Amino acid sequence: MTHSFRIGFWGSGNMASAMMRGLISKNVVPAEQIYCISEFGRGAGAFAKETGTNSCGNSYQDLIEASDILVLAFKPQQLDTQAEAVASINNRLVLSILAGTNLEKLNASIPNAGTIVRTMPNTPGRIGEGMTGFCSDKDLSEDDKTILHAVLGSLGEVVEIKETLMDVHTAVAGSGPAYVFEFIAALAEAGQAEGLSKDMALQIAKQTVFGSAALAKQADEPPEELRNQVTSKGGTTQAGLEAMAASDFRKLIHNTVRAAKERSIEMGKE
């Protein structure tokens, strides 16, 4: 379903670009109803030229006036450096993807906004396979809910969560793709070290992770059961899993998520 609202992106980096591409590819809004700005107008201008969206250069006034909905997609630290500009937003639905920035700070920074929603999407949204969490400290109107699910749903799956869990959601979903990409790189590197060509090792690693993730998503069994189905007593998989256990793989992942969560909390205090 194509909607009539106009949506502006304050920032045009990787995540904002993924969101805009998702909106266009899923026909949520046509490209001509999307507006964007970026520092010095560089990224926004290039993206607009490529996709048919509208660049407002680096004019936040033009962006606000043109948009019914605003997505804050700049660096979290810029909420303070652009305080006067951000404070001029009024009577708009505002979606924030600023990592570590809580609703209390957003409300203080945008006192005249209509409704503010804190969200955290991830980069697989670029291909419609994202995972986005959101929260708001206000009851959303039916119109706002429709818009919110249309915008975020264009990226993939959407879940409403308590704000107290947003930092861990950021650590798992927002940062999680980087952990998976690192695992793919490590798996391919190991394959190459054991004799595969570089290209073949990467092809095998990518498809193995992709296929395993697709199976885990579709299967009714928990991931541990799927793991057990691959593992024969005394076999190759068991040997590999024992090596992972010896290195305390699960603790490593837990520590990784905890570090990202704590950094998200720290960013909210900066």
C-alpha atoms as a PDB file:
ATOM      1  CA  MET A   1       0.000   0.000   0.000  1.00  0.00           C
ATOM      2  CA  THR A   2       1.365   3.383  -1.015  1.00  0.00           C
ATOM      3  CA  HIS A   3       0.908   6.185   1.530  1.00  0.00           C
ATOM      4  CA  SER A   4       0.549   9.930   1.060  1.00  0.00           C
ATOM      5  CA  PHE A   5       2.753  11.125   3.915  1.00  0.00           C
ATOM      6  CA  ARG A   6       6.054  12.890   3.273  1.00  0.00           C
ATOM      7  CA  ILE A   7       9.028  11.644   5.239  1.00  0.00           C
ATOM      8  CA  GLY A   8      12.281  13.446   5.916  1.00  0.00           C
ATOM      9  CA  PHE A   9      15.615  11.919   6.926  1.00  0.00           C
ATOM     10  CA  TRP A  10      17.913  14.106   8.998  1.00  0.00           C
ATOM     11  CA  GLY A  11      21.082  12.277   7.987  1.00  0.00           C
ATOM     12  CA  SER A  12      21.761  10.058   4.984  1.00  0.00           C
ATOM     13  CA  GLY A  13      24.309   7.511   6.179  1.00  0.00           C
ATOM     14  CA  ASN A  14      24.132   3.728   5.862  1.00  0.00           C
ATOM     15  CA  MET A  15      21.102   3.162   8.088  1.00  0.00           C
ATOM     16  CA  ALA A  16      19.122   6.089   6.701  1.00  0.00           C
ATOM     17  CA  SER A  17      19.934   4.992   3.158  1.00  0.00           C
ATOM     18  CA  ALA A  18      18.790   1.449   3.970  1.00  0.00           C
ATOM     19  CA  MET A  19      15.502   2.800   5.333  1.00  0.00           C
ATOM     20  CA  MET A  20      14.908   5.015   2.319  1.00  0.00           C
ATOM     21  CA  ARG A  21      15.644   2.182  -0.090  1.00  0.00           C
ATOM     22  CA  GLY A  22      13.259  -0.052   1.843  1.00  0.00           C
ATOM     23  CA  LEU A  23      10.479   2.521   1.652  1.00  0.00           C
ATOM     24  CA  ILE A  24      10.944   2.849  -2.095  1.00  0.00           C
ATOM     25  CA  SER A  25      11.313  -0.860  -2.891  1.00  0.00           C
ATOM     26  CA  LYS A  26       8.242  -1.810  -0.813  1.00  0.00           C
ATOM     27  CA  ASN A  27       6.185   1.046  -2.355  1.00  0.00           C
ATOM     28  CA  VAL A  28       5.413   2.497   1.074  1.00  0.00           C
ATOM     29  CA  VAL A  29       5.933   5.976  -0.374  1.00  0.00           C
ATOM     30  CA  PRO A  30       7.185   7.067  -3.801  1.00  0.00           C
ATOM     31  CA  ALA A  31      10.694   8.491  -3.985  1.00  0.00           C
ATOM     32  CA  GLU A  32       9.395  12.020  -4.563  1.00  0.00           C
ATOM     33  CA  GLN A  33       7.826  11.994  -1.065  1.00  0.00           C
ATOM     34  CA  ILE A  34      11.176  11.331   0.602  1.00  0.00           C
ATOM     35  CA  TYR A  35      13.454  14.201   1.668  1.00  0.00           C
ATOM     36  CA  CYS A  36      16.923  14.118   3.185  1.00  0.00           C
ATOM     37  CA  ILE A  37      19.763  16.272   4.415  1.00  0.00           C
ATOM     38  CA  SER A  38      23.294  15.517   5.547  1.00  0.00           C
ATOM     39  CA  GLU A  39      26.285  17.428   6.762  1.00  0.00           C
ATOM     40  CA  PHE A  40      27.317  19.798   3.965  1.00  0.00           C
ATOM     41  CA  GLY A  41      24.622  18.159   1.791  1.00  0.00           C
ATOM     42  CA  ARG A  42      27.089  15.714   0.231  1.00  0.00           C
ATOM     43  CA  GLY A  43      25.591  12.328   1.037  1.00  0.00           C
ATOM     44  CA  ALA A  44      22.031  13.551   0.604  1.00  0.00           C
ATOM     45  CA  GLY A  45      22.742  15.017  -2.811  1.00  0.00           C
ATOM     46  CA  ALA A  46      24.334  11.818  -4.123  1.00  0.00           C
ATOM     47  CA  PHE A  47      21.557   9.632  -2.736  1.00  0.00           C
ATOM     48  CA  ALA A  48      18.822  11.886  -4.124  1.00  0.00           C
ATOM     49  CA  LYS A  49      20.398  11.866  -7.576  1.00  0.00           C
ATOM     50  CA  GLU A  50      20.641   8.088  -7.544  1.00  0.00           C
ATOM     51  CA  THR A  51      17.129   7.331  -6.254  1.00  0.00           C
ATOM     52  CA  GLY A  52      14.921  10.247  -7.275  1.00  0.00           C
ATOM     53  CA  THR A  53      14.394  11.412  -3.694  1.00  0.00           C
ATOM     54  CA  ASN A  54      14.693  15.057  -2.707  1.00  0.00           C
ATOM     55  CA  SER A  55      17.827  16.596  -1.233  1.00  0.00           C
ATOM     56  CA  CYS A  56      17.379  19.598   1.023  1.00  0.00           C
ATOM     57  CA  GLY A  57      21.138  20.129   1.039  1.00  0.00           C
ATOM     58  CA  ASN A  58      22.001  20.896   4.639  1.00  0.00           C
ATOM     59  CA  SER A  59      18.931  23.054   5.293  1.00  0.00           C
ATOM     60  CA  TYR A  60      17.067  21.654   8.273  1.00  0.00           C
ATOM     61  CA  GLN A  61      14.388  24.337   7.857  1.00  0.00           C
ATOM     62  CA  ASP A  62      13.555  23.076   4.364  1.00  0.00           C
ATOM     63  CA  LEU A  63      13.527  19.478   5.601  1.00  0.00           C
ATOM     64  CA  ILE A  64      11.134  20.209   8.466  1.00  0.00           C
ATOM     65  CA  GLU A  65       8.773  22.236   6.302  1.00  0.00           C
ATOM     66  CA  ALA A  66       8.695  19.539   3.603  1.00  0.00           C
ATOM     67  CA  SER A  67       8.068  16.574   5.905  1.00  0.00           C
ATOM     68  CA  ASP A  68       5.122  15.192   7.858  1.00  0.00           C
ATOM     69  CA  ILE A  69       7.404  12.659   9.582  1.00  0.00           C
ATOM     70  CA  LEU A  70      11.049  13.136  10.526  1.00  0.00           C
ATOM     71  CA  VAL A  71      13.648  10.426  11.045  1.00  0.00           C
ATOM     72  CA  LEU A  72      16.634  11.498  13.135  1.00  0.00           C
ATOM     73  CA  ALA A  73      19.510   9.554  11.609  1.00  0.00           C
ATOM     74  CA  PHE A  74      22.605  11.616  12.380  1.00  0.00           C
ATOM     75  CA  LYS A  75      25.355  10.726  14.872  1.00  0.00           C
ATOM     76  CA  PRO A  76      24.003  10.695  18.466  1.00  0.00           C
ATOM     77  CA  GLN A  77      26.567  13.300  19.527  1.00  0.00           C
ATOM     78  CA  GLN A  78      25.077  15.753  17.031  1.00  0.00           C
ATOM     79  CA  LEU A  79      21.884  15.969  19.063  1.00  0.00           C
ATOM     80  CA  ASP A  80      23.805  18.440  21.234  1.00  0.00           C
ATOM     81  CA  THR A  81      25.834  20.169  18.521  1.00  0.00           C
ATOM     82  CA  GLN A  82      22.658  20.752  16.477  1.00  0.00           C
ATOM     83  CA  ALA A  83      20.494  21.527  19.505  1.00  0.00           C
ATOM     84  CA  GLU A  84      18.971  24.743  18.174  1.00  0.00           C
ATOM     85  CA  ALA A  85      18.084  23.190  14.837  1.00  0.00           C
ATOM     86  CA  VAL A  86      16.593  20.046  16.377  1.00  0.00           C
ATOM     87  CA  ALA A  87      14.592  22.101  18.886  1.00  0.00           C
ATOM     88  CA  SER A  88      12.817  23.834  15.997  1.00  0.00           C
ATOM     89  CA  ILE A  89      10.943  20.637  15.055  1.00  0.00           C
ATOM     90  CA  ASN A  90       7.282  21.112  15.889  1.00  0.00           C
ATOM     91  CA  ASN A  91       4.115  19.067  15.613  1.00  0.00           C
ATOM     92  CA  ARG A  92       5.708  16.164  13.754  1.00  0.00           C
ATOM     93  CA  LEU A  93       5.928  12.431  14.278  1.00  0.00           C
ATOM     94  CA  VAL A  94       9.633  11.948  15.023  1.00  0.00           C
ATOM     95  CA  LEU A  95      11.388   8.586  14.703  1.00  0.00           C
ATOM     96  CA  SER A  96      14.824   8.496  16.278  1.00  0.00           C
ATOM     97  CA  ILE A  97      17.453   5.905  15.359  1.00  0.00           C
ATOM     98  CA  LEU A  98      20.105   7.579  17.531  1.00  0.00           C
ATOM     99  CA  ALA A  99      21.889   4.806  19.415  1.00  0.00           C
ATOM    100  CA  GLY A 100      21.867   5.188  23.181  1.00  0.00           C
ATOM    101  CA  THR A 101      19.606   8.244  23.135  1.00  0.00           C
ATOM    102  CA  ASN A 102      16.666   7.761  25.457  1.00  0.00           C
ATOM    103  CA  LEU A 103      13.185   9.258  25.237  1.00  0.00           C
ATOM    104  CA  GLU A 104      13.812  11.609  28.150  1.00  0.00           C
ATOM    105  CA  LYS A 105      16.692  13.251  26.302  1.00  0.00           C
ATOM    106  CA  LEU A 106      14.790  13.284  23.012  1.00  0.00           C
ATOM    107  CA  ASN A 107      11.783  14.969  24.636  1.00  0.00           C
ATOM    108  CA  ALA A 108      14.038  17.569  26.256  1.00  0.00           C
ATOM    109  CA  SER A 109      15.762  18.231  22.931  1.00  0.00           C
ATOM    110  CA  ILE A 110      12.526  18.463  20.905  1.00  0.00           C
ATOM    111  CA  PRO A 111      10.004  19.997  23.326  1.00  0.00           C
ATOM    112  CA  ASN A 112       7.459  20.853  20.635  1.00  0.00           C
ATOM    113  CA  ALA A 113       7.470  17.583  18.720  1.00  0.00           C
ATOM    114  CA  GLY A 114       4.097  15.891  18.293  1.00  0.00           C
ATOM    115  CA  THR A 115       5.096  12.317  19.116  1.00  0.00           C
ATOM    116  CA  ILE A 116       8.588  10.862  19.529  1.00  0.00           C
ATOM    117  CA  VAL A 117       9.364   7.206  18.929  1.00  0.00           C
ATOM    118  CA  ARG A 118      12.731   5.695  19.752  1.00  0.00           C
ATOM    119  CA  THR A 119      13.694   2.979  17.292  1.00  0.00           C
ATOM    120  CA  MET A 120      16.662   0.795  16.501  1.00  0.00           C
ATOM    121  CA  PRO A 121      16.671  -0.889  13.084  1.00  0.00           C
ATOM    122  CA  ASN A 122      19.589  -2.807  11.605  1.00  0.00           C
ATOM    123  CA  THR A 123      21.314  -2.904   8.237  1.00  0.00           C
ATOM    124  CA  PRO A 124      19.644  -6.096   6.893  1.00  0.00           C
ATOM    125  CA  GLY A 125      16.679  -3.761   6.487  1.00  0.00           C
ATOM    126  CA  ARG A 126      18.439  -2.788   3.268  1.00  0.00           C
ATOM    127  CA  ILE A 127      17.121  -6.026   1.750  1.00  0.00           C
ATOM    128  CA  GLY A 128      13.878  -6.169   3.738  1.00  0.00           C
ATOM    129  CA  GLU A 129      15.236  -8.654   6.293  1.00  0.00           C
ATOM    130  CA  GLY A 130      15.824  -6.286   9.184  1.00  0.00           C
ATOM    131  CA  MET A 131      14.839  -6.419  12.842  1.00  0.00           C
ATOM    132  CA  THR A 132      13.589  -3.160  14.351  1.00  0.00           C
ATOM    133  CA  GLY A 133      12.598  -2.458  17.928  1.00  0.00           C
ATOM    134  CA  PHE A 134      10.675   0.636  18.988  1.00  0.00           C
ATOM    135  CA  CYS A 135       9.221   2.317  22.060  1.00  0.00           C
ATOM    136  CA  SER A 136       7.370   5.525  22.908  1.00  0.00           C
ATOM    137  CA  ASP A 137       6.425   7.146  26.185  1.00  0.00           C
ATOM    138  CA  LYS A 138       3.067   8.236  24.754  1.00  0.00           C
ATOM    139  CA  ASP A 139       0.060   6.297  23.562  1.00  0.00           C
ATOM    140  CA  LEU A 140       0.276   6.270  19.786  1.00  0.00           C
ATOM    141  CA  SER A 141      -2.735   7.300  17.745  1.00  0.00           C
ATOM    142  CA  GLU A 142      -4.069   4.830  15.194  1.00  0.00           C
ATOM    143  CA  ASP A 143      -2.685   7.029  12.408  1.00  0.00           C
ATOM    144  CA  ASP A 144       0.739   7.080  14.047  1.00  0.00           C
ATOM    145  CA  LYS A 145       0.664   3.296  14.492  1.00  0.00           C
ATOM    146  CA  THR A 146      -0.229   2.819  10.837  1.00  0.00           C
ATOM    147  CA  ILE A 147       2.592   5.096   9.721  1.00  0.00           C
ATOM    148  CA  LEU A 148       5.072   3.584  12.148  1.00  0.00           C
ATOM    149  CA  HIS A 149       4.437   0.011  11.061  1.00  0.00           C
ATOM    150  CA  ALA A 150       4.472   1.032   7.395  1.00  0.00           C
ATOM    151  CA  VAL A 151       7.839   2.756   7.731  1.00  0.00           C
ATOM    152  CA  LEU A 152       9.551   0.234   9.998  1.00  0.00           C
ATOM    153  CA  GLY A 153       7.820  -2.751   8.390  1.00  0.00           C
ATOM    154  CA  SER A 154       9.418  -1.853   5.060  1.00  0.00           C
ATOM    155  CA  LEU A 155      12.711  -2.957   6.620  1.00  0.00           C
ATOM    156  CA  GLY A 156      11.579  -6.358   7.896  1.00  0.00           C
ATOM    157  CA  GLU A 157      10.209  -7.488  11.257  1.00  0.00           C
ATOM    158  CA  VAL A 158       9.124  -5.012  13.950  1.00  0.00           C
ATOM    159  CA  VAL A 159       8.778  -5.487  17.701  1.00  0.00           C
ATOM    160  CA  GLU A 160       7.583  -3.069  20.380  1.00  0.00           C
ATOM    161  CA  ILE A 161       9.706  -3.310  23.516  1.00  0.00           C
ATOM    162  CA  LYS A 162      10.092  -1.500  26.821  1.00  0.00           C
ATOM    163  CA  GLU A 163      12.608   1.314  26.775  1.00  0.00           C
ATOM    164  CA  THR A 164      14.521  -0.356  29.591  1.00  0.00           C
ATOM    165  CA  LEU A 165      15.348  -3.114  27.073  1.00  0.00           C
ATOM    166  CA  MET A 166      16.322  -0.835  24.204  1.00  0.00           C
ATOM    167  CA  ASP A 167      20.037  -0.889  25.045  1.00  0.00           C
ATOM    168  CA  VAL A 168      20.176  -4.681  24.940  1.00  0.00           C
ATOM    169  CA  HIS A 169      18.090  -4.671  21.742  1.00  0.00           C
ATOM    170  CA  THR A 170      20.669  -2.300  20.284  1.00  0.00           C
ATOM    171  CA  ALA A 171      23.459  -4.670  21.337  1.00  0.00           C
ATOM    172  CA  VAL A 172      21.760  -7.769  19.885  1.00  0.00           C
ATOM    173  CA  ALA A 173      19.915  -6.485  16.801  1.00  0.00           C
ATOM    174  CA  GLY A 174      21.526  -3.148  16.016  1.00  0.00           C
ATOM    175  CA  SER A 175      25.113  -4.375  16.409  1.00  0.00           C
ATOM    176  CA  GLY A 176      24.386  -8.060  15.787  1.00  0.00           C
ATOM    177  CA  PRO A 177      24.888  -8.015  11.996  1.00  0.00           C
ATOM    178  CA  ALA A 178      28.494  -6.941  12.544  1.00  0.00           C
ATOM    179  CA  TYR A 179      29.061 -10.001  14.751  1.00  0.00           C
ATOM    180  CA  VAL A 180      27.577 -12.263  12.077  1.00  0.00           C
ATOM    181  CA  PHE A 181      29.690 -10.669   9.338  1.00  0.00           C
ATOM    182  CA  GLU A 182      32.773 -11.139  11.505  1.00  0.00           C
ATOM    183  CA  PHE A 183      31.840 -14.812  11.981  1.00  0.00           C
ATOM    184  CA  ILE A 184      31.474 -15.255   8.221  1.00  0.00           C
ATOM    185  CA  ALA A 185      34.882 -13.669   7.687  1.00  0.00           C
ATOM    186  CA  ALA A 186      36.434 -15.889  10.380  1.00  0.00           C
ATOM    187  CA  LEU A 187      34.811 -19.045   8.962  1.00  0.00           C
ATOM    188  CA  ALA A 188      36.053 -18.213   5.471  1.00  0.00           C
ATOM    189  CA  GLU A 189      39.512 -17.364   6.763  1.00  0.00           C
ATOM    190  CA  ALA A 190      39.691 -20.713   8.560  1.00  0.00           C
ATOM    191  CA  GLY A 191      38.602 -22.543   5.414  1.00  0.00           C
ATOM    192  CA  GLN A 192      41.268 -20.775   3.406  1.00  0.00           C
ATOM    193  CA  ALA A 193      43.914 -21.566   6.017  1.00  0.00           C
ATOM    194  CA  GLU A 194      42.967 -25.250   5.729  1.00  0.00           C
ATOM    195  CA  GLY A 195      43.324 -25.363   1.956  1.00  0.00           C
ATOM    196  CA  LEU A 196      40.327 -23.768   0.210  1.00  0.00           C
ATOM    197  CA  SER A 197      40.873 -20.927  -2.228  1.00  0.00           C
ATOM    198  CA  LYS A 198      39.926 -17.478  -0.911  1.00  0.00           C
ATOM    199  CA  ASP A 199      36.913 -17.132  -3.210  1.00  0.00           C
ATOM    200  CA  MET A 200      35.659 -20.661  -2.584  1.00  0.00           C
ATOM    201  CA  ALA A 201      36.053 -20.335   1.185  1.00  0.00           C
ATOM    202  CA  LEU A 202      34.039 -17.122   1.207  1.00  0.00           C
ATOM    203  CA  GLN A 203      31.302 -18.571  -1.018  1.00  0.00           C
ATOM    204  CA  ILE A 204      30.970 -21.630   1.209  1.00  0.00           C
ATOM    205  CA  ALA A 205      30.969 -19.575   4.427  1.00  0.00           C
ATOM    206  CA  LYS A 206      28.369 -17.088   3.163  1.00  0.00           C
ATOM    207  CA  GLN A 207      25.946 -19.743   1.932  1.00  0.00           C
ATOM    208  CA  THR A 208      26.399 -21.884   5.031  1.00  0.00           C
ATOM    209  CA  VAL A 209      25.510 -18.985   7.340  1.00  0.00           C
ATOM    210  CA  PHE A 210      22.669 -17.821   5.075  1.00  0.00           C
ATOM    211  CA  GLY A 211      21.152 -21.294   4.799  1.00  0.00           C
ATOM    212  CA  SER A 212      21.517 -21.978   8.518  1.00  0.00           C
ATOM    213  CA  ALA A 213      19.846 -18.675   9.432  1.00  0.00           C
ATOM    214  CA  ALA A 214      17.003 -19.319   6.985  1.00  0.00           C
ATOM    215  CA  LEU A 215      16.466 -22.799   8.423  1.00  0.00           C
ATOM    216  CA  ALA A 216      16.542 -21.477  12.004  1.00  0.00           C
ATOM    217  CA  LYS A 217      13.927 -18.869  11.116  1.00  0.00           C
ATOM    218  CA  GLN A 218      11.560 -21.354   9.454  1.00  0.00           C
ATOM    219  CA  ALA A 219      12.004 -24.325  11.791  1.00  0.00           C
ATOM    220  CA  ASP A 220       9.843 -24.934  14.843  1.00  0.00           C
ATOM    221  CA  GLU A 221      12.763 -26.453  16.747  1.00  0.00           C
ATOM    222  CA  PRO A 222      15.024 -24.263  18.912  1.00  0.00           C
ATOM    223  CA  PRO A 223      18.547 -23.662  17.559  1.00  0.00           C
ATOM    224  CA  GLU A 224      20.054 -26.137  20.017  1.00  0.00           C
ATOM    225  CA  GLU A 225      17.901 -28.930  18.552  1.00  0.00           C
ATOM    226  CA  LEU A 226      18.915 -27.959  15.013  1.00  0.00           C
ATOM    227  CA  ARG A 227      22.525 -28.067  16.200  1.00  0.00           C
ATOM    228  CA  ASN A 228      21.997 -31.545  17.614  1.00  0.00           C
ATOM    229  CA  GLN A 229      20.549 -32.742  14.304  1.00  0.00           C
ATOM    230  CA  VAL A 230      23.881 -31.906  12.654  1.00  0.00           C
ATOM    231  CA  THR A 231      25.971 -33.492  15.394  1.00  0.00           C
ATOM    232  CA  SER A 232      26.855 -37.190  15.362  1.00  0.00           C
ATOM    233  CA  LYS A 233      28.593 -38.765  18.335  1.00  0.00           C
ATOM    234  CA  GLY A 234      32.311 -38.874  17.695  1.00  0.00           C
ATOM    235  CA  GLY A 235      31.912 -37.044  14.383  1.00  0.00           C
ATOM    236  CA  THR A 236      33.396 -33.933  12.821  1.00  0.00           C
ATOM    237  CA  THR A 237      30.727 -31.539  14.115  1.00  0.00           C
ATOM    238  CA  GLN A 238      31.155 -32.755  17.666  1.00  0.00           C
ATOM    239  CA  ALA A 239      34.903 -32.193  17.399  1.00  0.00           C
ATOM    240  CA  GLY A 240      34.340 -28.647  16.214  1.00  0.00           C
ATOM    241  CA  LEU A 241      31.744 -27.911  18.897  1.00  0.00           C
ATOM    242  CA  GLU A 242      34.074 -29.215  21.579  1.00  0.00           C
ATOM    243  CA  ALA A 243      36.744 -26.800  20.352  1.00  0.00           C
ATOM    244  CA  MET A 244      34.210 -23.953  20.573  1.00  0.00           C
ATOM    245  CA  ALA A 245      33.208 -25.018  24.095  1.00  0.00           C
ATOM    246  CA  ALA A 246      36.840 -25.200  25.159  1.00  0.00           C
ATOM    247  CA  SER A 247      37.198 -21.549  24.147  1.00  0.00           C
ATOM    248  CA  ASP A 248      33.926 -20.718  25.952  1.00  0.00           C
ATOM    249  CA  PHE A 249      32.266 -19.467  22.757  1.00  0.00           C
ATOM    250  CA  ARG A 250      28.956 -18.629  24.422  1.00  0.00           C
ATOM    251  CA  LYS A 251      30.664 -16.562  27.095  1.00  0.00           C
ATOM    252  CA  LEU A 252      32.526 -14.690  24.353  1.00  0.00           C
ATOM    253  CA  ILE A 253      29.220 -13.822  22.655  1.00  0.00           C
ATOM    254  CA  HIS A 254      27.673 -12.824  25.994  1.00  0.00           C
ATOM    255  CA  ASN A 255      30.632 -10.547  26.703  1.00  0.00           C
ATOM    256  CA  THR A 256      30.319  -9.074  23.216  1.00  0.00           C
ATOM    257  CA  VAL A 257      26.641  -8.236  23.713  1.00  0.00           C
ATOM    258  CA  ARG A 258      27.267  -6.884  27.209  1.00  0.00           C
ATOM    259  CA  ALA A 259      30.055  -4.593  25.959  1.00  0.00           C
ATOM    260  CA  ALA A 260      27.775  -3.206  23.248  1.00  0.00           C
ATOM    261  CA  LYS A 261      24.920  -2.769  25.730  1.00  0.00           C
ATOM    262  CA  GLU A 262      27.131  -0.928  28.215  1.00  0.00           C
ATOM    263  CA  ARG A 263      28.426   1.341  25.460  1.00  0.00           C
ATOM    264  CA  SER A 264      24.838   2.102  24.458  1.00  0.00           C
ATOM    265  CA  ILE A 265      24.097   3.088  28.067  1.00  0.00           C
ATOM    266  CA  GLU A 266      27.248   5.234  28.196  1.00  0.00           C
ATOM    267  CA  MET A 267      26.270   7.011  24.980  1.00  0.00           C
ATOM    268  CA  GLY A 268      22.948   7.898  26.550  1.00  0.00           C
ATOM    269  CA  LYS A 269      24.761   9.680  29.365  1.00  0.00           C
ATOM    270  CA  GLU A 270      27.227  11.607  27.195  1.00  0.00           C
END
